Amino acid sequence: MRSKLLIVATTLLTLISAPAVAHDKLVDRSPDRDEVVATSSFEAVLTFNNPLMVIEGQSNAELATRLEGSADWITHPITINGTILTAQVNLTENGSYDLRWNVVSSD
């Protein structure tokens, strides 16, 4: 009886703790981390390992920037083509900026 219980418990732990095989990963970006951009208007291009989800022309993907030290995030218009998210970024001030994104892939 005890060995049957141990087998069932081990099986349940294996099923519960099995990690998901497919995860979204950023595989390339431009501009790169810590890259200096010499113009206030540029394209940010993010490439992922899985196609990004677009349903009936709509996506909940987002790319935003903020001036370092600011609490205000500014979202930028994006386009999605398969695994690539492209945003037209227009910065209003010189300085260091943080960039964040949110995507959902179709995996």
PDB file of N, CA and C in Angstrom:
ATOM      1  N   MET A   1       0.830  -1.205   0.000  1.00  0.00           N
ATOM      2  CA  MET A   1       0.000   0.000   0.000  1.00  0.00           C
ATOM      3  C   MET A   1       0.870   1.262   0.000  1.00  0.00           C
ATOM      4  N   ARG A   2       1.902   1.246   0.833  1.00  0.00           N
ATOM      5  CA  ARG A   2       2.761   2.422   0.929  1.00  0.00           C
ATOM      6  C   ARG A   2       3.476   2.695  -0.399  1.00  0.00           C
ATOM      7  N   SER A   3       3.914   1.655  -1.102  1.00  0.00           N
ATOM      8  CA  SER A   3       4.615   1.854  -2.374  1.00  0.00           C
ATOM      9  C   SER A   3       3.666   2.380  -3.446  1.00  0.00           C
ATOM     10  N   LYS A   4       2.397   1.961  -3.438  1.00  0.00           N
ATOM     11  CA  LYS A   4       1.423   2.487  -4.399  1.00  0.00           C
ATOM     12  C   LYS A   4       1.193   3.978  -4.165  1.00  0.00           C
ATOM     13  N   LEU A   5       1.103   4.375  -2.905  1.00  0.00           N
ATOM     14  CA  LEU A   5       0.905   5.777  -2.563  1.00  0.00           C
ATOM     15  C   LEU A   5       2.108   6.613  -3.004  1.00  0.00           C
ATOM     16  N   LEU A   6       3.300   6.081  -2.817  1.00  0.00           N
ATOM     17  CA  LEU A   6       4.506   6.780  -3.228  1.00  0.00           C
ATOM     18  C   LEU A   6       4.556   6.950  -4.744  1.00  0.00           C
ATOM     19  N   ILE A   7       4.150   5.921  -5.485  1.00  0.00           N
ATOM     20  CA  ILE A   7       4.131   6.002  -6.947  1.00  0.00           C
ATOM     21  C   ILE A   7       3.130   7.055  -7.410  1.00  0.00           C
ATOM     22  N   VAL A   8       1.947   7.076  -6.809  1.00  0.00           N
ATOM     23  CA  VAL A   8       0.927   8.065  -7.170  1.00  0.00           C
ATOM     24  C   VAL A   8       1.423   9.475  -6.847  1.00  0.00           C
ATOM     25  N   ALA A   9       2.017   9.665  -5.676  1.00  0.00           N
ATOM     26  CA  ALA A   9       2.519  10.980  -5.284  1.00  0.00           C
ATOM     27  C   ALA A   9       3.643  11.430  -6.211  1.00  0.00           C
ATOM     28  N   THR A  10       4.538  10.523  -6.557  1.00  0.00           N
ATOM     29  CA  THR A  10       5.631  10.856  -7.472  1.00  0.00           C
ATOM     30  C   THR A  10       5.098  11.227  -8.846  1.00  0.00           C
ATOM     31  N   THR A  11       4.110  10.481  -9.330  1.00  0.00           N
ATOM     32  CA  THR A  11       3.507  10.772 -10.629  1.00  0.00           C
ATOM     33  C   THR A  11       2.847  12.144 -10.619  1.00  0.00           C
ATOM     34  N   LEU A  12       2.107  12.460  -9.564  1.00  0.00           N
ATOM     35  CA  LEU A  12       1.453  13.765  -9.467  1.00  0.00           C
ATOM     36  C   LEU A  12       2.476  14.899  -9.422  1.00  0.00           C
ATOM     37  N   LEU A  13       3.543  14.727  -8.650  1.00  0.00           N
ATOM     38  CA  LEU A  13       4.575  15.759  -8.591  1.00  0.00           C
ATOM     39  C   LEU A  13       5.227  15.967  -9.946  1.00  0.00           C
ATOM     40  N   THR A  14       5.444  14.878 -10.675  1.00  0.00           N
ATOM     41  CA  THR A  14       6.038  14.983 -12.004  1.00  0.00           C
ATOM     42  C   THR A  14       5.116  15.740 -12.942  1.00  0.00           C
ATOM     43  N   LEU A  15       3.829  15.451 -12.908  1.00  0.00           N
ATOM     44  CA  LEU A  15       2.877  16.127 -13.784  1.00  0.00           C
ATOM     45  C   LEU A  15       2.723  17.600 -13.421  1.00  0.00           C
ATOM     46  N   ILE A  16       2.684  17.887 -12.138  1.00  0.00           N
ATOM     47  CA  ILE A  16       2.477  19.259 -11.692  1.00  0.00           C
ATOM     48  C   ILE A  16       3.711  20.118 -11.943  1.00  0.00           C
ATOM     49  N   SER A  17       4.900  19.562 -11.717  1.00  0.00           N
ATOM     50  CA  SER A  17       6.102  20.380 -11.806  1.00  0.00           C
ATOM     51  C   SER A  17       6.752  20.374 -13.180  1.00  0.00           C
ATOM     52  N   ALA A  18       6.141  19.717 -14.161  1.00  0.00           N
ATOM     53  CA  ALA A  18       6.727  19.697 -15.504  1.00  0.00           C
ATOM     54  C   ALA A  18       6.683  21.101 -16.092  1.00  0.00           C
ATOM     55  N   PRO A  19       7.837  21.649 -16.454  1.00  0.00           N
ATOM     56  CA  PRO A  19       7.847  23.013 -16.995  1.00  0.00           C
ATOM     57  C   PRO A  19       7.289  23.056 -18.403  1.00  0.00           C
ATOM     58  N   ALA A  20       6.756  24.196 -18.761  1.00  0.00           N
ATOM     59  CA  ALA A  20       6.278  24.388 -20.128  1.00  0.00           C
ATOM     60  C   ALA A  20       7.477  24.375 -21.066  1.00  0.00           C
ATOM     61  N   VAL A  21       7.312  23.764 -22.210  1.00  0.00           N
ATOM     62  CA  VAL A  21       8.413  23.643 -23.152  1.00  0.00           C
ATOM     63  C   VAL A  21       8.591  24.928 -23.952  1.00  0.00           C
ATOM     64  N   ALA A  22       7.500  25.567 -24.308  1.00  0.00           N
ATOM     65  CA  ALA A  22       7.580  26.748 -25.179  1.00  0.00           C
ATOM     66  C   ALA A  22       7.440  28.026 -24.363  1.00  0.00           C
ATOM     67  N   HIS A  23       8.443  28.864 -24.430  1.00  0.00           N
ATOM     68  CA  HIS A  23       8.404  30.176 -23.786  1.00  0.00           C
ATOM     69  C   HIS A  23       8.797  31.223 -24.810  1.00  0.00           C
ATOM     70  N   ASP A  24       8.205  32.384 -24.684  1.00  0.00           N
ATOM     71  CA  ASP A  24       8.590  33.485 -25.564  1.00  0.00           C
ATOM     72  C   ASP A  24       9.967  33.984 -25.151  1.00  0.00           C
ATOM     73  N   LYS A  25      10.824  34.160 -26.138  1.00  0.00           N
ATOM     74  CA  LYS A  25      12.164  34.683 -25.867  1.00  0.00           C
ATOM     75  C   LYS A  25      12.485  35.775 -26.876  1.00  0.00           C
ATOM     76  N   LEU A  26      13.074  36.832 -26.372  1.00  0.00           N
ATOM     77  CA  LEU A  26      13.589  37.873 -27.244  1.00  0.00           C
ATOM     78  C   LEU A  26      14.915  37.361 -27.798  1.00  0.00           C
ATOM     79  N   VAL A  27      15.026  37.266 -29.125  1.00  0.00           N
ATOM     80  CA  VAL A  27      16.248  36.723 -29.726  1.00  0.00           C
ATOM     81  C   VAL A  27      17.112  37.799 -30.381  1.00  0.00           C
ATOM     82  N   ASP A  28      16.538  38.968 -30.654  1.00  0.00           N
ATOM     83  CA  ASP A  28      17.322  40.055 -31.240  1.00  0.00           C
ATOM     84  C   ASP A  28      16.596  41.372 -30.994  1.00  0.00           C
ATOM     85  N   ARG A  29      17.351  42.449 -30.927  1.00  0.00           N
ATOM     86  CA  ARG A  29      16.750  43.774 -30.721  1.00  0.00           C
ATOM     87  C   ARG A  29      17.637  44.841 -31.341  1.00  0.00           C
ATOM     88  N   SER A  30      16.968  45.885 -31.785  1.00  0.00           N
ATOM     89  CA  SER A  30      17.667  47.040 -32.326  1.00  0.00           C
ATOM     90  C   SER A  30      16.847  48.276 -31.965  1.00  0.00           C
ATOM     91  N   PRO A  31      17.397  49.250 -31.294  1.00  0.00           N
ATOM     92  CA  PRO A  31      18.781  49.318 -30.861  1.00  0.00           C
ATOM     93  C   PRO A  31      19.052  48.315 -29.741  1.00  0.00           C
ATOM     94  N   ASP A  32      20.321  47.946 -29.600  1.00  0.00           N
ATOM     95  CA  ASP A  32      20.723  46.977 -28.587  1.00  0.00           C
ATOM     96  C   ASP A  32      20.787  47.645 -27.219  1.00  0.00           C
ATOM     97  N   ARG A  33      20.842  46.839 -26.177  1.00  0.00           N
ATOM     98  CA  ARG A  33      20.940  47.346 -24.807  1.00  0.00           C
ATOM     99  C   ARG A  33      22.165  48.260 -24.688  1.00  0.00           C
ATOM    100  N   ASP A  34      21.972  49.390 -24.046  1.00  0.00           N
ATOM    101  CA  ASP A  34      23.013  50.398 -23.808  1.00  0.00           C
ATOM    102  C   ASP A  34      23.550  51.051 -25.084  1.00  0.00           C
ATOM    103  N   GLU A  35      22.872  50.846 -26.210  1.00  0.00           N
ATOM    104  CA  GLU A  35      23.301  51.497 -27.450  1.00  0.00           C
ATOM    105  C   GLU A  35      22.909  52.974 -27.414  1.00  0.00           C
ATOM    106  N   VAL A  36      23.773  53.825 -27.913  1.00  0.00           N
ATOM    107  CA  VAL A  36      23.493  55.257 -28.006  1.00  0.00           C
ATOM    108  C   VAL A  36      22.835  55.519 -29.353  1.00  0.00           C
ATOM    109  N   VAL A  37      21.660  56.148 -29.308  1.00  0.00           N
ATOM    110  CA  VAL A  37      20.925  56.501 -30.523  1.00  0.00           C
ATOM    111  C   VAL A  37      21.105  58.001 -30.736  1.00  0.00           C
ATOM    112  N   ALA A  38      21.548  58.373 -31.927  1.00  0.00           N
ATOM    113  CA  ALA A  38      21.911  59.770 -32.183  1.00  0.00           C
ATOM    114  C   ALA A  38      20.751  60.637 -32.660  1.00  0.00           C
ATOM    115  N   THR A  39      19.575  60.060 -32.820  1.00  0.00           N
ATOM    116  CA  THR A  39      18.428  60.822 -33.313  1.00  0.00           C
ATOM    117  C   THR A  39      17.233  60.609 -32.393  1.00  0.00           C
ATOM    118  N   SER A  40      16.324  61.573 -32.360  1.00  0.00           N
ATOM    119  CA  SER A  40      15.162  61.456 -31.471  1.00  0.00           C
ATOM    120  C   SER A  40      14.051  60.606 -32.071  1.00  0.00           C
ATOM    121  N   SER A  41      14.149  60.288 -33.349  1.00  0.00           N
ATOM    122  CA  SER A  41      13.140  59.460 -34.015  1.00  0.00           C
ATOM    123  C   SER A  41      13.840  58.258 -34.654  1.00  0.00           C
ATOM    124  N   PHE A  42      13.399  57.064 -34.291  1.00  0.00           N
ATOM    125  CA  PHE A  42      14.028  55.853 -34.810  1.00  0.00           C
ATOM    126  C   PHE A  42      13.056  54.682 -34.724  1.00  0.00           C
ATOM    127  N   GLU A  43      13.392  53.595 -35.395  1.00  0.00           N
ATOM    128  CA  GLU A  43      12.618  52.361 -35.300  1.00  0.00           C
ATOM    129  C   GLU A  43      13.253  51.452 -34.263  1.00  0.00           C
ATOM    130  N   ALA A  44      12.429  50.950 -33.356  1.00  0.00           N
ATOM    131  CA  ALA A  44      12.859  49.902 -32.433  1.00  0.00           C
ATOM    132  C   ALA A  44      12.322  48.594 -33.000  1.00  0.00           C
ATOM    133  N   VAL A  45      13.189  47.607 -33.158  1.00  0.00           N
ATOM    134  CA  VAL A  45      12.798  46.324 -33.743  1.00  0.00           C
ATOM    135  C   VAL A  45      13.140  45.220 -32.752  1.00  0.00           C
ATOM    136  N   LEU A  46      12.124  44.458 -32.351  1.00  0.00           N
ATOM    137  CA  LEU A  46      12.306  43.329 -31.441  1.00  0.00           C
ATOM    138  C   LEU A  46      11.935  42.051 -32.177  1.00  0.00           C
ATOM    139  N   THR A  47      12.800  41.052 -32.106  1.00  0.00           N
ATOM    140  CA  THR A  47      12.546  39.772 -32.762  1.00  0.00           C
ATOM    141  C   THR A  47      12.436  38.692 -31.693  1.00  0.00           C
ATOM    142  N   PHE A  48      11.362  37.899 -31.768  1.00  0.00           N
ATOM    143  CA  PHE A  48      11.091  36.848 -30.793  1.00  0.00           C
ATOM    144  C   PHE A  48      11.213  35.475 -31.441  1.00  0.00           C
ATOM    145  N   ASN A  49      11.255  34.433 -30.603  1.00  0.00           N
ATOM    146  CA  ASN A  49      11.413  33.071 -31.116  1.00  0.00           C
ATOM    147  C   ASN A  49      10.103  32.459 -31.604  1.00  0.00           C
ATOM    148  N   ASN A  50       8.973  33.040 -31.284  1.00  0.00           N
ATOM    149  CA  ASN A  50       7.669  32.540 -31.721  1.00  0.00           C
ATOM    150  C   ASN A  50       6.889  33.674 -32.376  1.00  0.00           C
ATOM    151  N   PRO A  51       6.010  33.353 -33.337  1.00  0.00           N
ATOM    152  CA  PRO A  51       5.170  34.398 -33.933  1.00  0.00           C
ATOM    153  C   PRO A  51       4.319  35.080 -32.857  1.00  0.00           C
ATOM    154  N   LEU A  52       4.173  36.383 -32.977  1.00  0.00           N
ATOM    155  CA  LEU A  52       3.371  37.142 -32.022  1.00  0.00           C
ATOM    156  C   LEU A  52       1.900  37.050 -32.394  1.00  0.00           C
ATOM    157  N   MET A  53       1.049  37.041 -31.376  1.00  0.00           N
ATOM    158  CA  MET A  53      -0.377  36.827 -31.590  1.00  0.00           C
ATOM    159  C   MET A  53      -1.055  38.090 -32.110  1.00  0.00           C
ATOM    160  N   VAL A  54      -1.737  37.930 -33.227  1.00  0.00           N
ATOM    161  CA  VAL A  54      -2.569  38.985 -33.805  1.00  0.00           C
ATOM    162  C   VAL A  54      -3.882  38.316 -34.186  1.00  0.00           C
ATOM    163  N   ILE A  55      -4.990  38.812 -33.636  1.00  0.00           N
ATOM    164  CA  ILE A  55      -6.307  38.245 -33.916  1.00  0.00           C
ATOM    165  C   ILE A  55      -7.153  39.327 -34.559  1.00  0.00           C
ATOM    166  N   GLU A  56      -7.627  39.045 -35.766  1.00  0.00           N
ATOM    167  CA  GLU A  56      -8.439  39.995 -36.525  1.00  0.00           C
ATOM    168  C   GLU A  56      -7.782  41.372 -36.577  1.00  0.00           C
ATOM    169  N   GLY A  57      -6.478  41.377 -36.828  1.00  0.00           N
ATOM    170  CA  GLY A  57      -5.746  42.627 -36.958  1.00  0.00           C
ATOM    171  C   GLY A  57      -5.420  43.323 -35.647  1.00  0.00           C
ATOM    172  N   GLN A  58      -5.789  42.742 -34.520  1.00  0.00           N
ATOM    173  CA  GLN A  58      -5.561  43.365 -33.218  1.00  0.00           C
ATOM    174  C   GLN A  58      -4.546  42.562 -32.403  1.00  0.00           C
ATOM    175  N   SER A  59      -3.762  43.277 -31.621  1.00  0.00           N
ATOM    176  CA  SER A  59      -2.775  42.658 -30.743  1.00  0.00           C
ATOM    177  C   SER A  59      -2.761  43.421 -29.432  1.00  0.00           C
ATOM    178  N   ASN A  60      -2.409  42.732 -28.354  1.00  0.00           N
ATOM    179  CA  ASN A  60      -2.256  43.450 -27.091  1.00  0.00           C
ATOM    180  C   ASN A  60      -0.787  43.750 -26.813  1.00  0.00           C
ATOM    181  N   ALA A  61       0.057  43.626 -27.843  1.00  0.00           N
ATOM    182  CA  ALA A  61       1.475  43.945 -27.698  1.00  0.00           C
ATOM    183  C   ALA A  61       1.652  45.444 -27.497  1.00  0.00           C
ATOM    184  N   GLU A  62       2.740  45.788 -26.822  1.00  0.00           N
ATOM    185  CA  GLU A  62       3.000  47.195 -26.527  1.00  0.00           C
ATOM    186  C   GLU A  62       4.505  47.414 -26.408  1.00  0.00           C
ATOM    187  N   LEU A  63       4.954  48.576 -26.823  1.00  0.00           N
ATOM    188  CA  LEU A  63       6.328  49.015 -26.592  1.00  0.00           C
ATOM    189  C   LEU A  63       6.248  50.436 -26.062  1.00  0.00           C
ATOM    190  N   ALA A  64       6.957  50.691 -24.968  1.00  0.00           N
ATOM    191  CA  ALA A  64       6.900  52.013 -24.332  1.00  0.00           C
ATOM    192  C   ALA A  64       8.295  52.442 -23.891  1.00  0.00           C
ATOM    193  N   THR A  65       8.489  53.750 -23.792  1.00  0.00           N
ATOM    194  CA  THR A  65       9.747  54.311 -23.301  1.00  0.00           C
ATOM    195  C   THR A  65       9.443  55.306 -22.189  1.00  0.00           C
ATOM    196  N   ARG A  66      10.460  55.533 -21.370  1.00  0.00           N
ATOM    197  CA  ARG A  66      10.371  56.611 -20.376  1.00  0.00           C
ATOM    198  C   ARG A  66      11.762  57.183 -20.161  1.00  0.00           C
ATOM    199  N   LEU A  67      11.797  58.467 -19.945  1.00  0.00           N
ATOM    200  CA  LEU A  67      13.040  59.141 -19.612  1.00  0.00           C
ATOM    201  C   LEU A  67      13.496  58.612 -18.260  1.00  0.00           C
ATOM    202  N   GLU A  68      14.764  58.237 -18.156  1.00  0.00           N
ATOM    203  CA  GLU A  68      15.274  57.672 -16.909  1.00  0.00           C
ATOM    204  C   GLU A  68      14.950  58.595 -15.735  1.00  0.00           C
ATOM    205  N   GLY A  69      14.374  58.034 -14.685  1.00  0.00           N
ATOM    206  CA  GLY A  69      13.979  58.805 -13.513  1.00  0.00           C
ATOM    207  C   GLY A  69      12.536  59.271 -13.543  1.00  0.00           C
ATOM    208  N   SER A  70      11.892  59.186 -14.704  1.00  0.00           N
ATOM    209  CA  SER A  70      10.496  59.602 -14.837  1.00  0.00           C
ATOM    210  C   SER A  70       9.569  58.429 -14.499  1.00  0.00           C
ATOM    211  N   ALA A  71       8.376  58.738 -14.074  1.00  0.00           N
ATOM    212  CA  ALA A  71       7.378  57.701 -13.820  1.00  0.00           C
ATOM    213  C   ALA A  71       6.457  57.503 -15.020  1.00  0.00           C
ATOM    214  N   ASP A  72       6.563  58.373 -16.018  1.00  0.00           N
ATOM    215  CA  ASP A  72       5.639  58.361 -17.155  1.00  0.00           C
ATOM    216  C   ASP A  72       6.166  57.522 -18.313  1.00  0.00           C
ATOM    217  N   TRP A  73       5.435  56.457 -18.643  1.00  0.00           N
ATOM    218  CA  TRP A  73       5.758  55.620 -19.797  1.00  0.00           C
ATOM    219  C   TRP A  73       4.976  56.134 -20.998  1.00  0.00           C
ATOM    220  N   ILE A  74       5.635  56.257 -22.129  1.00  0.00           N
ATOM    221  CA  ILE A  74       5.014  56.711 -23.373  1.00  0.00           C
ATOM    222  C   ILE A  74       4.955  55.521 -24.326  1.00  0.00           C
ATOM    223  N   THR A  75       3.746  55.158 -24.776  1.00  0.00           N
ATOM    224  CA  THR A  75       3.622  54.053 -25.730  1.00  0.00           C
ATOM    225  C   THR A  75       3.832  54.575 -27.146  1.00  0.00           C
ATOM    226  N   HIS A  76       4.302  53.689 -28.000  1.00  0.00           N
ATOM    227  CA  HIS A  76       4.621  54.056 -29.383  1.00  0.00           C
ATOM    228  C   HIS A  76       3.858  53.151 -30.342  1.00  0.00           C
ATOM    229  N   PRO A  77       3.492  53.660 -31.516  1.00  0.00           N
ATOM    230  CA  PRO A  77       2.772  52.844 -32.498  1.00  0.00           C
ATOM    231  C   PRO A  77       3.637  51.653 -32.927  1.00  0.00           C
ATOM    232  N   ILE A  78       2.995  50.486 -33.023  1.00  0.00           N
ATOM    233  CA  ILE A  78       3.724  49.270 -33.384  1.00  0.00           C
ATOM    234  C   ILE A  78       3.097  48.589 -34.593  1.00  0.00           C
ATOM    235  N   THR A  79       3.898  47.773 -35.245  1.00  0.00           N
ATOM    236  CA  THR A  79       3.411  46.830 -36.250  1.00  0.00           C
ATOM    237  C   THR A  79       4.011  45.479 -35.904  1.00  0.00           C
ATOM    238  N   ILE A  80       3.278  44.428 -36.252  1.00  0.00           N
ATOM    239  CA  ILE A  80       3.737  43.063 -35.999  1.00  0.00           C
ATOM    240  C   ILE A  80       3.730  42.311 -37.310  1.00  0.00           C
ATOM    241  N   ASN A  81       4.834  41.625 -37.567  1.00  0.00           N
ATOM    242  CA  ASN A  81       4.949  40.783 -38.747  1.00  0.00           C
ATOM    243  C   ASN A  81       5.615  39.480 -38.317  1.00  0.00           C
ATOM    244  N   GLY A  82       4.793  38.478 -38.024  1.00  0.00           N
ATOM    245  CA  GLY A  82       5.327  37.186 -37.578  1.00  0.00           C
ATOM    246  C   GLY A  82       5.994  37.297 -36.223  1.00  0.00           C
ATOM    247  N   THR A  83       7.304  37.095 -36.190  1.00  0.00           N
ATOM    248  CA  THR A  83       8.061  37.134 -34.936  1.00  0.00           C
ATOM    249  C   THR A  83       8.631  38.517 -34.628  1.00  0.00           C
ATOM    250  N   ILE A  84       8.348  39.490 -35.495  1.00  0.00           N
ATOM    251  CA  ILE A  84       8.994  40.804 -35.375  1.00  0.00           C
ATOM    252  C   ILE A  84       7.995  41.891 -34.984  1.00  0.00           C
ATOM    253  N   LEU A  85       8.332  42.612 -33.923  1.00  0.00           N
ATOM    254  CA  LEU A  85       7.576  43.792 -33.501  1.00  0.00           C
ATOM    255  C   LEU A  85       8.427  45.009 -33.853  1.00  0.00           C
ATOM    256  N   THR A  86       7.836  45.947 -34.571  1.00  0.00           N
ATOM    257  CA  THR A  86       8.528  47.185 -34.940  1.00  0.00           C
ATOM    258  C   THR A  86       7.735  48.358 -34.378  1.00  0.00           C
ATOM    259  N   ALA A  87       8.436  49.289 -33.750  1.00  0.00           N
ATOM    260  CA  ALA A  87       7.791  50.484 -33.193  1.00  0.00           C
ATOM    261  C   ALA A  87       8.493  51.725 -33.715  1.00  0.00           C
ATOM    262  N   GLN A  88       7.697  52.720 -34.057  1.00  0.00           N
ATOM    263  CA  GLN A  88       8.258  54.022 -34.423  1.00  0.00           C
ATOM    264  C   GLN A  88       8.356  54.831 -33.138  1.00  0.00           C
ATOM    265  N   VAL A  89       9.573  55.083 -32.684  1.00  0.00           N
ATOM    266  CA  VAL A  89       9.815  55.774 -31.418  1.00  0.00           C
ATOM    267  C   VAL A  89      10.190  57.225 -31.705  1.00  0.00           C
ATOM    268  N   ASN A  90       9.486  58.128 -31.044  1.00  0.00           N
ATOM    269  CA  ASN A  90       9.777  59.563 -31.150  1.00  0.00           C
ATOM    270  C   ASN A  90       9.997  60.096 -29.738  1.00  0.00           C
ATOM    271  N   LEU A  91      11.237  60.438 -29.423  1.00  0.00           N
ATOM    272  CA  LEU A  91      11.586  60.931 -28.094  1.00  0.00           C
ATOM    273  C   LEU A  91      11.535  62.453 -28.086  1.00  0.00           C
ATOM    274  N   THR A  92      11.100  63.025 -26.968  1.00  0.00           N
ATOM    275  CA  THR A  92      10.925  64.475 -26.894  1.00  0.00           C
ATOM    276  C   THR A  92      12.098  65.198 -26.256  1.00  0.00           C
ATOM    277  N   GLU A  93      12.926  64.467 -25.487  1.00  0.00           N
ATOM    278  CA  GLU A  93      14.048  65.095 -24.789  1.00  0.00           C
ATOM    279  C   GLU A  93      15.307  64.252 -24.964  1.00  0.00           C
ATOM    280  N   ASN A  94      16.460  64.899 -24.894  1.00  0.00           N
ATOM    281  CA  ASN A  94      17.721  64.168 -24.842  1.00  0.00           C
ATOM    282  C   ASN A  94      17.861  63.520 -23.477  1.00  0.00           C
ATOM    283  N   GLY A  95      18.532  62.390 -23.409  1.00  0.00           N
ATOM    284  CA  GLY A  95      18.771  61.733 -22.131  1.00  0.00           C
ATOM    285  C   GLY A  95      18.786  60.228 -22.276  1.00  0.00           C
ATOM    286  N   SER A  96      18.859  59.553 -21.145  1.00  0.00           N
ATOM    287  CA  SER A  96      18.823  58.092 -21.111  1.00  0.00           C
ATOM    288  C   SER A  96      17.383  57.638 -20.943  1.00  0.00           C
ATOM    289  N   TYR A  97      16.993  56.623 -21.704  1.00  0.00           N
ATOM    290  CA  TYR A  97      15.626  56.130 -21.684  1.00  0.00           C
ATOM    291  C   TYR A  97      15.586  54.644 -21.343  1.00  0.00           C
ATOM    292  N   ASP A  98      14.523  54.262 -20.659  1.00  0.00           N
ATOM    293  CA  ASP A  98      14.204  52.851 -20.449  1.00  0.00           C
ATOM    294  C   ASP A  98      13.200  52.459 -21.517  1.00  0.00           C
ATOM    295  N   LEU A  99      13.287  51.223 -21.979  1.00  0.00           N
ATOM    296  CA  LEU A  99      12.353  50.705 -22.978  1.00  0.00           C
ATOM    297  C   LEU A  99      11.768  49.414 -22.432  1.00  0.00           C
ATOM    298  N   ARG A 100      10.456  49.277 -22.521  1.00  0.00           N
ATOM    299  CA  ARG A 100       9.821  48.027 -22.086  1.00  0.00           C
ATOM    300  C   ARG A 100       8.846  47.578 -23.153  1.00  0.00           C
ATOM    301  N   TRP A 101       8.551  46.290 -23.148  1.00  0.00           N
ATOM    302  CA  TRP A 101       7.597  45.754 -24.106  1.00  0.00           C
ATOM    303  C   TRP A 101       6.789  44.658 -23.447  1.00  0.00           C
ATOM    304  N   ASN A 102       5.641  44.409 -24.046  1.00  0.00           N
ATOM    305  CA  ASN A 102       4.752  43.342 -23.602  1.00  0.00           C
ATOM    306  C   ASN A 102       4.213  42.684 -24.860  1.00  0.00           C
ATOM    307  N   VAL A 103       4.378  41.369 -24.983  1.00  0.00           N
ATOM    308  CA  VAL A 103       3.895  40.643 -26.154  1.00  0.00           C
ATOM    309  C   VAL A 103       3.277  39.328 -25.722  1.00  0.00           C
ATOM    310  N   VAL A 104       2.436  38.780 -26.597  1.00  0.00           N
ATOM    311  CA  VAL A 104       1.897  37.435 -26.425  1.00  0.00           C
ATOM    312  C   VAL A 104       2.174  36.703 -27.721  1.00  0.00           C
ATOM    313  N   SER A 105       2.799  35.532 -27.609  1.00  0.00           N
ATOM    314  CA  SER A 105       3.081  34.777 -28.830  1.00  0.00           C
ATOM    315  C   SER A 105       1.962  33.783 -29.083  1.00  0.00           C
ATOM    316  N   SER A 106       1.962  33.232 -30.264  1.00  0.00           N
ATOM    317  CA  SER A 106       0.887  32.315 -30.657  1.00  0.00           C
ATOM    318  C   SER A 106       1.237  30.861 -30.387  1.00  0.00           C
ATOM    319  N   ASP A 107       2.213  30.598 -29.500  1.00  0.00           N
ATOM    320  CA  ASP A 107       2.607  29.210 -29.227  1.00  0.00           C
ATOM    321  C   ASP A 107       1.590  28.453 -28.431  1.00  0.00           C
TER     322      ASP A 107
END
